[in-house]
Amino acid sequence: MAADLNDLQAFMAVARAGGFREGARATAGSASALSEAIRRLETQLGVRLFN
């Protein structure tokens, strides 16, 4: 299954900002929405992306 573009963008926002809260501010979204997107990516890829 291919990763969703929105989930990849969420990953990039968190990585660039250095955290979920900061990523949420940068995207004008919520930390919980970013967390859910990262969880989906981790499930699809079978790896943990952040500590």
N, C-alpha and C. Protein backbone atom coordinates (compact mmCIF):
# COMPACT_ATOMS: atom_id res chain seq x y z
N MET A 1 0.84 -1.17 0.00
CA MET A 1 0.00 0.00 0.00
C MET A 1 0.90 1.24 0.00
N ALA A 2 0.58 2.20 -0.85
CA ALA A 2 1.36 3.43 -0.94
C ALA A 2 0.98 4.39 0.18
N ALA A 3 1.96 5.13 0.64
CA ALA A 3 1.71 6.12 1.68
C ALA A 3 0.92 7.28 1.10
N ASP A 4 0.03 7.83 1.89
CA ASP A 4 -0.79 8.97 1.49
C ASP A 4 0.06 10.24 1.51
N LEU A 5 -0.11 11.10 0.51
CA LEU A 5 0.67 12.33 0.42
C LEU A 5 0.48 13.21 1.65
N ASN A 6 -0.73 13.30 2.16
CA ASN A 6 -0.98 14.12 3.36
C ASN A 6 -0.23 13.58 4.57
N ASP A 7 -0.15 12.25 4.67
CA ASP A 7 0.59 11.65 5.78
C ASP A 7 2.08 11.95 5.66
N LEU A 8 2.59 11.90 4.43
CA LEU A 8 4.00 12.24 4.21
C LEU A 8 4.28 13.70 4.53
N GLN A 9 3.35 14.57 4.18
CA GLN A 9 3.50 15.99 4.50
C GLN A 9 3.47 16.21 6.01
N ALA A 10 2.64 15.46 6.70
CA ALA A 10 2.60 15.54 8.16
C ALA A 10 3.94 15.10 8.74
N PHE A 11 4.50 14.03 8.21
CA PHE A 11 5.81 13.56 8.66
C PHE A 11 6.87 14.65 8.47
N MET A 12 6.88 15.27 7.30
CA MET A 12 7.85 16.32 7.01
C MET A 12 7.67 17.51 7.96
N ALA A 13 6.44 17.87 8.25
CA ALA A 13 6.18 19.00 9.15
C ALA A 13 6.73 18.73 10.54
N VAL A 14 6.50 17.53 11.05
CA VAL A 14 6.99 17.17 12.38
C VAL A 14 8.51 17.12 12.38
N ALA A 15 9.09 16.51 11.35
CA ALA A 15 10.55 16.39 11.28
C ALA A 15 11.21 17.77 11.18
N ARG A 16 10.68 18.62 10.34
CA ARG A 16 11.27 19.96 10.16
C ARG A 16 11.12 20.82 11.41
N ALA A 17 9.97 20.72 12.05
CA ALA A 17 9.69 21.57 13.20
C ALA A 17 10.33 21.04 14.48
N GLY A 18 10.64 19.75 14.51
CA GLY A 18 11.28 19.18 15.68
C GLY A 18 10.33 18.64 16.74
N GLY A 19 9.06 18.54 16.41
CA GLY A 19 8.10 17.98 17.36
C GLY A 19 6.68 18.13 16.86
N PHE A 20 5.77 17.42 17.51
CA PHE A 20 4.36 17.42 17.08
C PHE A 20 3.70 18.77 17.33
N ARG A 21 3.93 19.34 18.49
CA ARG A 21 3.30 20.63 18.81
C ARG A 21 3.79 21.72 17.85
N GLU A 22 5.10 21.74 17.61
CA GLU A 22 5.66 22.73 16.70
C GLU A 22 5.21 22.49 15.27
N GLY A 23 5.12 21.22 14.88
CA GLY A 23 4.63 20.87 13.54
C GLY A 23 3.19 21.29 13.35
N ALA A 24 2.40 21.14 14.40
CA ALA A 24 0.99 21.56 14.33
C ALA A 24 0.89 23.06 14.13
N ARG A 25 1.72 23.81 14.83
CA ARG A 25 1.72 25.27 14.66
C ARG A 25 2.10 25.63 13.23
N ALA A 26 3.10 24.95 12.69
CA ALA A 26 3.59 25.26 11.34
C ALA A 26 2.56 24.94 10.27
N THR A 27 1.70 23.97 10.52
CA THR A 27 0.71 23.56 9.52
C THR A 27 -0.68 24.09 9.83
N ALA A 28 -0.82 24.82 10.92
CA ALA A 28 -2.13 25.32 11.37
C ALA A 28 -3.11 24.16 11.59
N GLY A 29 -2.57 23.03 12.03
CA GLY A 29 -3.39 21.87 12.33
C GLY A 29 -3.29 21.54 13.81
N SER A 30 -3.64 20.32 14.15
CA SER A 30 -3.55 19.90 15.55
C SER A 30 -2.47 18.83 15.70
N ALA A 31 -1.89 18.79 16.88
CA ALA A 31 -0.88 17.77 17.17
C ALA A 31 -1.48 16.37 17.08
N SER A 32 -2.73 16.22 17.48
CA SER A 32 -3.36 14.89 17.42
C SER A 32 -3.56 14.44 15.98
N ALA A 33 -3.88 15.36 15.07
CA ALA A 33 -4.03 14.99 13.66
C ALA A 33 -2.68 14.57 13.08
N LEU A 34 -1.62 15.27 13.44
CA LEU A 34 -0.29 14.89 12.97
C LEU A 34 0.11 13.53 13.54
N SER A 35 -0.20 13.31 14.80
CA SER A 35 0.11 12.04 15.44
C SER A 35 -0.59 10.88 14.75
N GLU A 36 -1.84 11.08 14.39
CA GLU A 36 -2.61 10.04 13.69
C GLU A 36 -2.00 9.76 12.32
N ALA A 37 -1.59 10.80 11.62
CA ALA A 37 -0.97 10.63 10.30
C ALA A 37 0.34 9.85 10.43
N ILE A 38 1.13 10.17 11.44
CA ILE A 38 2.39 9.45 11.67
C ILE A 38 2.11 8.00 12.02
N ARG A 39 1.09 7.75 12.82
CA ARG A 39 0.73 6.38 13.18
C ARG A 39 0.38 5.57 11.94
N ARG A 40 -0.38 6.18 11.02
CA ARG A 40 -0.73 5.48 9.77
C ARG A 40 0.52 5.15 8.97
N LEU A 41 1.43 6.10 8.86
CA LEU A 41 2.68 5.86 8.13
C LEU A 41 3.48 4.74 8.78
N GLU A 42 3.59 4.77 10.09
CA GLU A 42 4.34 3.74 10.81
C GLU A 42 3.74 2.36 10.56
N THR A 43 2.42 2.28 10.55
CA THR A 43 1.74 1.02 10.29
C THR A 43 2.01 0.54 8.87
N GLN A 44 1.92 1.44 7.91
CA GLN A 44 2.15 1.08 6.51
C GLN A 44 3.59 0.65 6.26
N LEU A 45 4.53 1.36 6.88
CA LEU A 45 5.95 1.09 6.64
C LEU A 45 6.52 0.00 7.55
N GLY A 46 5.84 -0.26 8.66
CA GLY A 46 6.31 -1.28 9.59
C GLY A 46 7.51 -0.85 10.41
N VAL A 47 7.69 0.46 10.57
CA VAL A 47 8.80 0.98 11.37
C VAL A 47 8.31 2.13 12.24
N ARG A 48 9.04 2.39 13.31
CA ARG A 48 8.75 3.54 14.15
C ARG A 48 9.53 4.73 13.60
N LEU A 49 8.85 5.84 13.36
CA LEU A 49 9.48 7.00 12.73
C LEU A 49 10.07 7.98 13.72
N PHE A 50 9.48 8.11 14.89
CA PHE A 50 9.97 9.03 15.92
C PHE A 50 10.01 8.30 17.26
N ASN A 51 10.89 8.76 18.15
CA ASN A 51 10.97 8.20 19.50
C ASN A 51 9.90 8.76 20.37
